[in-house]
Amino acid sequence: MIQLRRASAITAFSLLTSAATAQAECAWILWAGAEMNPRPLVGDPIRWASVEGFNTRRECVALATQSAKNPKNKAWEFRCFPDTVDPRGPKGK
């Protein structure tokens, strides 16, 4: 009887731990960036815009790679960042 309770407790703990781990994974955002200056100089800022969100980094990188190969997107740079990162920098007050 004690072994059954212990096994149940271990099973419950494992399920809760795996659920918490799944929640800890973050979303990924594909960002497209272009130089703000038509004749960019070294250090010129890039204007970033979010394109699409993904559940995994792999999905995000796949679209970034596909988008970068498109000749129409020659002037754009595509990068994937976790949803906690904003490449535009900190928000001012």
PDB file of N, CA and C in Angstrom:
ATOM      1  N   MET A   1       0.813  -1.186   0.000  1.00  0.00           N
ATOM      2  CA  MET A   1       0.000   0.000   0.000  1.00  0.00           C
ATOM      3  C   MET A   1       0.865   1.261   0.000  1.00  0.00           C
ATOM      4  N   ILE A   2       1.933   1.245   0.818  1.00  0.00           N
ATOM      5  CA  ILE A   2       2.831   2.392   0.880  1.00  0.00           C
ATOM      6  C   ILE A   2       3.551   2.565  -0.456  1.00  0.00           C
ATOM      7  N   GLN A   3       3.916   1.442  -1.085  1.00  0.00           N
ATOM      8  CA  GLN A   3       4.600   1.515  -2.374  1.00  0.00           C
ATOM      9  C   GLN A   3       3.674   2.110  -3.438  1.00  0.00           C
ATOM     10  N   LEU A   4       2.400   1.791  -3.388  1.00  0.00           N
ATOM     11  CA  LEU A   4       1.434   2.328  -4.336  1.00  0.00           C
ATOM     12  C   LEU A   4       1.307   3.841  -4.174  1.00  0.00           C
ATOM     13  N   ARG A   5       1.236   4.317  -2.922  1.00  0.00           N
ATOM     14  CA  ARG A   5       1.153   5.761  -2.668  1.00  0.00           C
ATOM     15  C   ARG A   5       2.414   6.464  -3.164  1.00  0.00           C
ATOM     16  N   ARG A   6       3.572   5.843  -2.889  1.00  0.00           N
ATOM     17  CA  ARG A   6       4.833   6.437  -3.319  1.00  0.00           C
ATOM     18  C   ARG A   6       4.882   6.518  -4.846  1.00  0.00           C
ATOM     19  N   ALA A   7       4.459   5.455  -5.523  1.00  0.00           N
ATOM     20  CA  ALA A   7       4.454   5.444  -6.988  1.00  0.00           C
ATOM     21  C   ALA A   7       3.502   6.503  -7.532  1.00  0.00           C
ATOM     22  N   SER A   8       2.348   6.646  -6.900  1.00  0.00           N
ATOM     23  CA  SER A   8       1.386   7.663  -7.328  1.00  0.00           C
ATOM     24  C   SER A   8       1.955   9.061  -7.137  1.00  0.00           C
ATOM     25  N   ALA A   9       2.621   9.269  -6.014  1.00  0.00           N
ATOM     26  CA  ALA A   9       3.213  10.577  -5.745  1.00  0.00           C
ATOM     27  C   ALA A   9       4.314  10.892  -6.758  1.00  0.00           C
ATOM     28  N   ILE A  10       5.126   9.907  -7.083  1.00  0.00           N
ATOM     29  CA  ILE A  10       6.205  10.106  -8.060  1.00  0.00           C
ATOM     30  C   ILE A  10       5.617  10.399  -9.439  1.00  0.00           C
ATOM     31  N   THR A  11       4.580   9.672  -9.802  1.00  0.00           N
ATOM     32  CA  THR A  11       3.935   9.903 -11.095  1.00  0.00           C
ATOM     33  C   THR A  11       3.345  11.308 -11.161  1.00  0.00           C
ATOM     34  N   ALA A  12       2.657  11.725 -10.124  1.00  0.00           N
ATOM     35  CA  ALA A  12       2.066  13.062 -10.101  1.00  0.00           C
ATOM     36  C   ALA A  12       3.148  14.128 -10.184  1.00  0.00           C
ATOM     37  N   PHE A  13       4.221  13.949  -9.440  1.00  0.00           N
ATOM     38  CA  PHE A  13       5.327  14.902  -9.469  1.00  0.00           C
ATOM     39  C   PHE A  13       5.929  14.986 -10.872  1.00  0.00           C
ATOM     40  N   SER A  14       6.109  13.844 -11.526  1.00  0.00           N
ATOM     41  CA  SER A  14       6.684  13.819 -12.879  1.00  0.00           C
ATOM     42  C   SER A  14       5.797  14.563 -13.865  1.00  0.00           C
ATOM     43  N   LEU A  15       4.499  14.343 -13.760  1.00  0.00           N
ATOM     44  CA  LEU A  15       3.572  15.029 -14.665  1.00  0.00           C
ATOM     45  C   LEU A  15       3.591  16.534 -14.440  1.00  0.00           C
ATOM     46  N   LEU A  16       3.609  16.948 -13.202  1.00  0.00           N
ATOM     47  CA  LEU A  16       3.654  18.381 -12.911  1.00  0.00           C
ATOM     48  C   LEU A  16       4.960  19.003 -13.383  1.00  0.00           C
ATOM     49  N   THR A  17       6.053  18.306 -13.207  1.00  0.00           N
ATOM     50  CA  THR A  17       7.349  18.810 -13.643  1.00  0.00           C
ATOM     51  C   THR A  17       7.395  18.953 -15.151  1.00  0.00           C
ATOM     52  N   SER A  18       6.881  17.965 -15.880  1.00  0.00           N
ATOM     53  CA  SER A  18       6.906  18.050 -17.340  1.00  0.00           C
ATOM     54  C   SER A  18       5.992  19.163 -17.842  1.00  0.00           C
ATOM     55  N   ALA A  19       4.871  19.392 -17.185  1.00  0.00           N
ATOM     56  CA  ALA A  19       3.978  20.483 -17.573  1.00  0.00           C
ATOM     57  C   ALA A  19       4.649  21.831 -17.328  1.00  0.00           C
ATOM     58  N   ALA A  20       5.359  21.960 -16.232  1.00  0.00           N
ATOM     59  CA  ALA A  20       6.054  23.218 -15.932  1.00  0.00           C
ATOM     60  C   ALA A  20       7.163  23.463 -16.939  1.00  0.00           C
ATOM     61  N   THR A  21       7.853  22.418 -17.355  1.00  0.00           N
ATOM     62  CA  THR A  21       8.916  22.557 -18.350  1.00  0.00           C
ATOM     63  C   THR A  21       8.337  23.006 -19.683  1.00  0.00           C
ATOM     64  N   ALA A  22       7.209  22.452 -20.071  1.00  0.00           N
ATOM     65  CA  ALA A  22       6.582  22.848 -21.327  1.00  0.00           C
ATOM     66  C   ALA A  22       6.166  24.311 -21.279  1.00  0.00           C
ATOM     67  N   GLN A  23       5.701  24.785 -20.149  1.00  0.00           N
ATOM     68  CA  GLN A  23       5.300  26.177 -20.024  1.00  0.00           C
ATOM     69  C   GLN A  23       6.513  27.112 -20.059  1.00  0.00           C
ATOM     70  N   ALA A  24       7.684  26.607 -19.684  1.00  0.00           N
ATOM     71  CA  ALA A  24       8.875  27.441 -19.634  1.00  0.00           C
ATOM     72  C   ALA A  24       9.436  27.727 -21.023  1.00  0.00           C
ATOM     73  N   GLU A  25       9.063  26.926 -22.012  1.00  0.00           N
ATOM     74  CA  GLU A  25       9.534  27.174 -23.365  1.00  0.00           C
ATOM     75  C   GLU A  25       8.923  28.473 -23.866  1.00  0.00           C
ATOM     76  N   CYS A  26       9.719  29.246 -24.585  1.00  0.00           N
ATOM     77  CA  CYS A  26       9.208  30.535 -25.049  1.00  0.00           C
ATOM     78  C   CYS A  26       8.839  30.459 -26.521  1.00  0.00           C
ATOM     79  N   ALA A  27       8.100  31.434 -26.943  1.00  0.00           N
ATOM     80  CA  ALA A  27       7.754  31.561 -28.346  1.00  0.00           C
ATOM     81  C   ALA A  27       8.893  32.276 -29.062  1.00  0.00           C
ATOM     82  N   TRP A  28       8.922  32.152 -30.363  1.00  0.00           N
ATOM     83  CA  TRP A  28       9.944  32.796 -31.183  1.00  0.00           C
ATOM     84  C   TRP A  28       9.279  33.727 -32.176  1.00  0.00           C
ATOM     85  N   ILE A  29       9.891  34.867 -32.384  1.00  0.00           N
ATOM     86  CA  ILE A  29       9.353  35.875 -33.296  1.00  0.00           C
ATOM     87  C   ILE A  29      10.343  36.070 -34.437  1.00  0.00           C
ATOM     88  N   LEU A  30       9.828  36.042 -35.672  1.00  0.00           N
ATOM     89  CA  LEU A  30      10.641  36.354 -36.843  1.00  0.00           C
ATOM     90  C   LEU A  30      10.571  37.857 -37.056  1.00  0.00           C
ATOM     91  N   TRP A  31      11.733  38.490 -37.125  1.00  0.00           N
ATOM     92  CA  TRP A  31      11.839  39.927 -37.346  1.00  0.00           C
ATOM     93  C   TRP A  31      12.493  40.179 -38.695  1.00  0.00           C
ATOM     94  N   ALA A  32      12.008  41.200 -39.396  1.00  0.00           N
ATOM     95  CA  ALA A  32      12.617  41.642 -40.650  1.00  0.00           C
ATOM     96  C   ALA A  32      13.204  43.019 -40.401  1.00  0.00           C
ATOM     97  N   GLY A  33      14.433  43.204 -40.818  1.00  0.00           N
ATOM     98  CA  GLY A  33      15.098  44.484 -40.599  1.00  0.00           C
ATOM     99  C   GLY A  33      15.637  45.048 -41.894  1.00  0.00           C
ATOM    100  N   ALA A  34      15.576  46.361 -42.003  1.00  0.00           N
ATOM    101  CA  ALA A  34      16.114  47.059 -43.174  1.00  0.00           C
ATOM    102  C   ALA A  34      16.839  48.303 -42.698  1.00  0.00           C
ATOM    103  N   GLU A  35      17.869  48.680 -43.430  1.00  0.00           N
ATOM    104  CA  GLU A  35      18.602  49.892 -43.109  1.00  0.00           C
ATOM    105  C   GLU A  35      17.672  51.098 -43.245  1.00  0.00           C
ATOM    106  N   MET A  36      17.769  52.018 -42.307  1.00  0.00           N
ATOM    107  CA  MET A  36      16.932  53.221 -42.355  1.00  0.00           C
ATOM    108  C   MET A  36      17.453  54.205 -43.400  1.00  0.00           C
ATOM    109  N   ASN A  37      18.730  54.179 -43.660  1.00  0.00           N
ATOM    110  CA  ASN A  37      19.361  55.078 -44.609  1.00  0.00           C
ATOM    111  C   ASN A  37      19.488  54.353 -45.947  1.00  0.00           C
ATOM    112  N   PRO A  38      19.039  54.958 -47.063  1.00  0.00           N
ATOM    113  CA  PRO A  38      19.158  54.270 -48.351  1.00  0.00           C
ATOM    114  C   PRO A  38      20.615  54.016 -48.742  1.00  0.00           C
ATOM    115  N   ARG A  39      21.515  54.830 -48.235  1.00  0.00           N
ATOM    116  CA  ARG A  39      22.951  54.610 -48.432  1.00  0.00           C
ATOM    117  C   ARG A  39      23.564  54.362 -47.057  1.00  0.00           C
ATOM    118  N   PRO A  40      23.447  53.138 -46.572  1.00  0.00           N
ATOM    119  CA  PRO A  40      23.845  52.867 -45.191  1.00  0.00           C
ATOM    120  C   PRO A  40      25.330  53.091 -44.940  1.00  0.00           C
ATOM    121  N   LEU A  41      25.593  53.673 -43.801  1.00  0.00           N
ATOM    122  CA  LEU A  41      26.949  53.841 -43.309  1.00  0.00           C
ATOM    123  C   LEU A  41      27.166  52.853 -42.173  1.00  0.00           C
ATOM    124  N   VAL A  42      28.398  52.624 -41.829  1.00  0.00           N
ATOM    125  CA  VAL A  42      28.685  51.721 -40.723  1.00  0.00           C
ATOM    126  C   VAL A  42      28.051  52.282 -39.453  1.00  0.00           C
ATOM    127  N   GLY A  43      27.299  51.455 -38.762  1.00  0.00           N
ATOM    128  CA  GLY A  43      26.664  51.868 -37.514  1.00  0.00           C
ATOM    129  C   GLY A  43      25.289  52.486 -37.679  1.00  0.00           C
ATOM    130  N   ASP A  44      24.799  52.618 -38.924  1.00  0.00           N
ATOM    131  CA  ASP A  44      23.439  53.139 -39.105  1.00  0.00           C
ATOM    132  C   ASP A  44      22.443  52.166 -38.486  1.00  0.00           C
ATOM    133  N   PRO A  45      21.384  52.696 -37.867  1.00  0.00           N
ATOM    134  CA  PRO A  45      20.400  51.807 -37.230  1.00  0.00           C
ATOM    135  C   PRO A  45      19.580  51.031 -38.255  1.00  0.00           C
ATOM    136  N   ILE A  46      19.091  49.896 -37.809  1.00  0.00           N
ATOM    137  CA  ILE A  46      18.208  49.061 -38.635  1.00  0.00           C
ATOM    138  C   ILE A  46      16.799  49.209 -38.103  1.00  0.00           C
ATOM    139  N   ARG A  47      15.845  49.379 -38.981  1.00  0.00           N
ATOM    140  CA  ARG A  47      14.428  49.440 -38.596  1.00  0.00           C
ATOM    141  C   ARG A  47      13.891  48.023 -38.622  1.00  0.00           C
ATOM    142  N   TRP A  48      13.443  47.537 -37.448  1.00  0.00           N
ATOM    143  CA  TRP A  48      12.945  46.173 -37.306  1.00  0.00           C
ATOM    144  C   TRP A  48      11.429  46.152 -37.248  1.00  0.00           C
ATOM    145  N   ALA A  49      10.844  45.127 -37.842  1.00  0.00           N
ATOM    146  CA  ALA A  49       9.394  44.908 -37.769  1.00  0.00           C
ATOM    147  C   ALA A  49       9.154  43.414 -37.542  1.00  0.00           C
ATOM    148  N   SER A  50       8.239  43.104 -36.637  1.00  0.00           N
ATOM    149  CA  SER A  50       7.922  41.698 -36.408  1.00  0.00           C
ATOM    150  C   SER A  50       7.105  41.172 -37.577  1.00  0.00           C
ATOM    151  N   VAL A  51       7.386  39.926 -37.964  1.00  0.00           N
ATOM    152  CA  VAL A  51       6.723  39.316 -39.117  1.00  0.00           C
ATOM    153  C   VAL A  51       5.700  38.289 -38.669  1.00  0.00           C
ATOM    154  N   GLU A  52       6.165  37.329 -37.841  1.00  0.00           N
ATOM    155  CA  GLU A  52       5.282  36.235 -37.437  1.00  0.00           C
ATOM    156  C   GLU A  52       5.841  35.557 -36.194  1.00  0.00           C
ATOM    157  N   GLY A  53       4.958  34.954 -35.407  1.00  0.00           N
ATOM    158  CA  GLY A  53       5.364  34.228 -34.208  1.00  0.00           C
ATOM    159  C   GLY A  53       5.300  32.728 -34.425  1.00  0.00           C
ATOM    160  N   PHE A  54       6.159  32.003 -33.694  1.00  0.00           N
ATOM    161  CA  PHE A  54       6.250  30.545 -33.822  1.00  0.00           C
ATOM    162  C   PHE A  54       6.381  29.911 -32.453  1.00  0.00           C
ATOM    163  N   ASN A  55       6.019  28.646 -32.364  1.00  0.00           N
ATOM    164  CA  ASN A  55       6.169  27.897 -31.112  1.00  0.00           C
ATOM    165  C   ASN A  55       7.592  27.407 -30.903  1.00  0.00           C
ATOM    166  N   THR A  56       8.321  27.171 -32.006  1.00  0.00           N
ATOM    167  CA  THR A  56       9.684  26.660 -31.886  1.00  0.00           C
ATOM    168  C   THR A  56      10.648  27.509 -32.698  1.00  0.00           C
ATOM    169  N   ARG A  57      11.907  27.477 -32.273  1.00  0.00           N
ATOM    170  CA  ARG A  57      12.949  28.211 -32.991  1.00  0.00           C
ATOM    171  C   ARG A  57      13.140  27.613 -34.386  1.00  0.00           C
ATOM    172  N   ARG A  58      13.048  26.308 -34.483  1.00  0.00           N
ATOM    173  CA  ARG A  58      13.244  25.625 -35.768  1.00  0.00           C
ATOM    174  C   ARG A  58      12.263  26.145 -36.825  1.00  0.00           C
ATOM    175  N   GLU A  59      10.989  26.288 -36.456  1.00  0.00           N
ATOM    176  CA  GLU A  59       9.995  26.807 -37.399  1.00  0.00           C
ATOM    177  C   GLU A  59      10.341  28.229 -37.823  1.00  0.00           C
ATOM    178  N   CYS A  60      10.772  29.032 -36.863  1.00  0.00           N
ATOM    179  CA  CYS A  60      11.115  30.418 -37.142  1.00  0.00           C
ATOM    180  C   CYS A  60      12.309  30.510 -38.094  1.00  0.00           C
ATOM    181  N   VAL A  61      13.343  29.738 -37.823  1.00  0.00           N
ATOM    182  CA  VAL A  61      14.544  29.760 -38.658  1.00  0.00           C
ATOM    183  C   VAL A  61      14.234  29.264 -40.067  1.00  0.00           C
ATOM    184  N   ALA A  62      13.346  28.293 -40.189  1.00  0.00           N
ATOM    185  CA  ALA A  62      12.971  27.773 -41.509  1.00  0.00           C
ATOM    186  C   ALA A  62      12.352  28.877 -42.363  1.00  0.00           C
ATOM    187  N   LEU A  63      11.443  29.663 -41.792  1.00  0.00           N
ATOM    188  CA  LEU A  63      10.837  30.751 -42.567  1.00  0.00           C
ATOM    189  C   LEU A  63      11.833  31.872 -42.808  1.00  0.00           C
ATOM    190  N   ALA A  64      12.700  32.146 -41.850  1.00  0.00           N
ATOM    191  CA  ALA A  64      13.722  33.184 -42.035  1.00  0.00           C
ATOM    192  C   ALA A  64      14.634  32.821 -43.201  1.00  0.00           C
ATOM    193  N   THR A  65      15.036  31.572 -43.268  1.00  0.00           N
ATOM    194  CA  THR A  65      15.907  31.104 -44.352  1.00  0.00           C
ATOM    195  C   THR A  65      15.200  31.187 -45.692  1.00  0.00           C
ATOM    196  N   GLN A  66      13.945  30.753 -45.710  1.00  0.00           N
ATOM    197  CA  GLN A  66      13.151  30.796 -46.935  1.00  0.00           C
ATOM    198  C   GLN A  66      12.949  32.241 -47.390  1.00  0.00           C
ATOM    199  N   SER A  67      12.661  33.129 -46.467  1.00  0.00           N
ATOM    200  CA  SER A  67      12.436  34.535 -46.800  1.00  0.00           C
ATOM    201  C   SER A  67      13.706  35.192 -47.320  1.00  0.00           C
ATOM    202  N   ALA A  68      14.848  34.868 -46.737  1.00  0.00           N
ATOM    203  CA  ALA A  68      16.114  35.461 -47.154  1.00  0.00           C
ATOM    204  C   ALA A  68      16.512  35.028 -48.566  1.00  0.00           C
ATOM    205  N   LYS A  69      16.062  33.849 -48.982  1.00  0.00           N
ATOM    206  CA  LYS A  69      16.387  33.344 -50.322  1.00  0.00           C
ATOM    207  C   LYS A  69      15.540  34.000 -51.412  1.00  0.00           C
ATOM    208  N   ASN A  70      14.443  34.624 -51.037  1.00  0.00           N
ATOM    209  CA  ASN A  70      13.555  35.261 -52.002  1.00  0.00           C
ATOM    210  C   ASN A  70      14.236  36.516 -52.558  1.00  0.00           C
ATOM    211  N   PRO A  71      14.415  36.613 -53.886  1.00  0.00           N
ATOM    212  CA  PRO A  71      15.085  37.784 -54.470  1.00  0.00           C
ATOM    213  C   PRO A  71      14.396  39.113 -54.152  1.00  0.00           C
ATOM    214  N   LYS A  72      13.096  39.085 -53.908  1.00  0.00           N
ATOM    215  CA  LYS A  72      12.367  40.322 -53.579  1.00  0.00           C
ATOM    216  C   LYS A  72      12.796  40.879 -52.226  1.00  0.00           C
ATOM    217  N   ASN A  73      13.358  40.040 -51.378  1.00  0.00           N
ATOM    218  CA  ASN A  73      13.741  40.438 -50.026  1.00  0.00           C
ATOM    219  C   ASN A  73      15.228  40.756 -49.913  1.00  0.00           C
ATOM    220  N   LYS A  74      15.842  41.145 -51.020  1.00  0.00           N
ATOM    221  CA  LYS A  74      17.287  41.363 -51.061  1.00  0.00           C
ATOM    222  C   LYS A  74      17.766  42.377 -50.021  1.00  0.00           C
ATOM    223  N   ALA A  75      16.994  43.422 -49.794  1.00  0.00           N
ATOM    224  CA  ALA A  75      17.410  44.495 -48.887  1.00  0.00           C
ATOM    225  C   ALA A  75      17.063  44.197 -47.424  1.00  0.00           C
ATOM    226  N   TRP A  76      16.404  43.084 -47.161  1.00  0.00           N
ATOM    227  CA  TRP A  76      15.955  42.778 -45.811  1.00  0.00           C
ATOM    228  C   TRP A  76      16.858  41.755 -45.134  1.00  0.00           C
ATOM    229  N   GLU A  77      16.928  41.871 -43.832  1.00  0.00           N
ATOM    230  CA  GLU A  77      17.642  40.905 -42.992  1.00  0.00           C
ATOM    231  C   GLU A  77      16.593  40.237 -42.111  1.00  0.00           C
ATOM    232  N   PHE A  78      16.637  38.922 -41.993  1.00  0.00           N
ATOM    233  CA  PHE A  78      15.659  38.175 -41.204  1.00  0.00           C
ATOM    234  C   PHE A  78      16.345  37.500 -40.037  1.00  0.00           C
ATOM    235  N   ARG A  79      15.780  37.692 -38.844  1.00  0.00           N
ATOM    236  CA  ARG A  79      16.344  37.085 -37.633  1.00  0.00           C
ATOM    237  C   ARG A  79      15.235  36.598 -36.723  1.00  0.00           C
ATOM    238  N   CYS A  80      15.522  35.526 -35.996  1.00  0.00           N
ATOM    239  CA  CYS A  80      14.597  34.979 -35.019  1.00  0.00           C
ATOM    240  C   CYS A  80      15.094  35.311 -33.619  1.00  0.00           C
ATOM    241  N   PHE A  81      14.193  35.824 -32.804  1.00  0.00           N
ATOM    242  CA  PHE A  81      14.502  36.140 -31.418  1.00  0.00           C
ATOM    243  C   PHE A  81      13.429  35.533 -30.517  1.00  0.00           C
ATOM    244  N   PRO A  82      13.795  35.188 -29.278  1.00  0.00           N
ATOM    245  CA  PRO A  82      12.762  34.763 -28.330  1.00  0.00           C
ATOM    246  C   PRO A  82      11.769  35.902 -28.131  1.00  0.00           C
ATOM    247  N   ASP A  83      10.565  35.557 -27.731  1.00  0.00           N
ATOM    248  CA  ASP A  83       9.539  36.595 -27.568  1.00  0.00           C
ATOM    249  C   ASP A  83       9.871  37.584 -26.450  1.00  0.00           C
ATOM    250  N   THR A  84      10.886  37.309 -25.669  1.00  0.00           N
ATOM    251  CA  THR A  84      11.288  38.223 -24.599  1.00  0.00           C
ATOM    252  C   THR A  84      12.303  39.253 -25.090  1.00  0.00           C
ATOM    253  N   VAL A  85      12.767  39.126 -26.341  1.00  0.00           N
ATOM    254  CA  VAL A  85      13.774  40.036 -26.884  1.00  0.00           C
ATOM    255  C   VAL A  85      13.127  40.909 -27.953  1.00  0.00           C
ATOM    256  N   ASP A  86      13.377  42.207 -27.855  1.00  0.00           N
ATOM    257  CA  ASP A  86      12.907  43.152 -28.857  1.00  0.00           C
ATOM    258  C   ASP A  86      14.137  43.813 -29.482  1.00  0.00           C
ATOM    259  N   PRO A  87      14.443  43.522 -30.766  1.00  0.00           N
ATOM    260  CA  PRO A  87      15.657  44.070 -31.367  1.00  0.00           C
ATOM    261  C   PRO A  87      15.617  45.591 -31.541  1.00  0.00           C
ATOM    262  N   ARG A  88      14.459  46.201 -31.339  1.00  0.00           N
ATOM    263  CA  ARG A  88      14.362  47.659 -31.449  1.00  0.00           C
ATOM    264  C   ARG A  88      14.935  48.357 -30.215  1.00  0.00           C
ATOM    265  N   GLY A  89      15.228  47.572 -29.183  1.00  0.00           N
ATOM    266  CA  GLY A  89      15.830  48.149 -27.988  1.00  0.00           C
ATOM    267  C   GLY A  89      14.792  48.410 -26.911  1.00  0.00           C
ATOM    268  N   PRO A  90      15.243  48.941 -25.770  1.00  0.00           N
ATOM    269  CA  PRO A  90      14.327  49.190 -24.661  1.00  0.00           C
ATOM    270  C   PRO A  90      13.358  50.313 -24.988  1.00  0.00           C
ATOM    271  N   LYS A  91      12.188  50.218 -24.407  1.00  0.00           N
ATOM    272  CA  LYS A  91      11.162  51.253 -24.586  1.00  0.00           C
ATOM    273  C   LYS A  91      11.455  52.420 -23.638  1.00  0.00           C
ATOM    274  N   GLY A  92      11.414  53.627 -24.165  1.00  0.00           N
ATOM    275  CA  GLY A  92      11.640  54.809 -23.339  1.00  0.00           C
ATOM    276  C   GLY A  92      10.337  55.327 -22.760  1.00  0.00           C
ATOM    277  N   LYS A  93      10.464  56.146 -21.713  1.00  0.00           N
ATOM    278  CA  LYS A  93       9.256  56.716 -21.100  1.00  0.00           C
ATOM    279  C   LYS A  93       9.066  58.143 -21.538  1.00  0.00           C
TER     280      LYS A  93
END
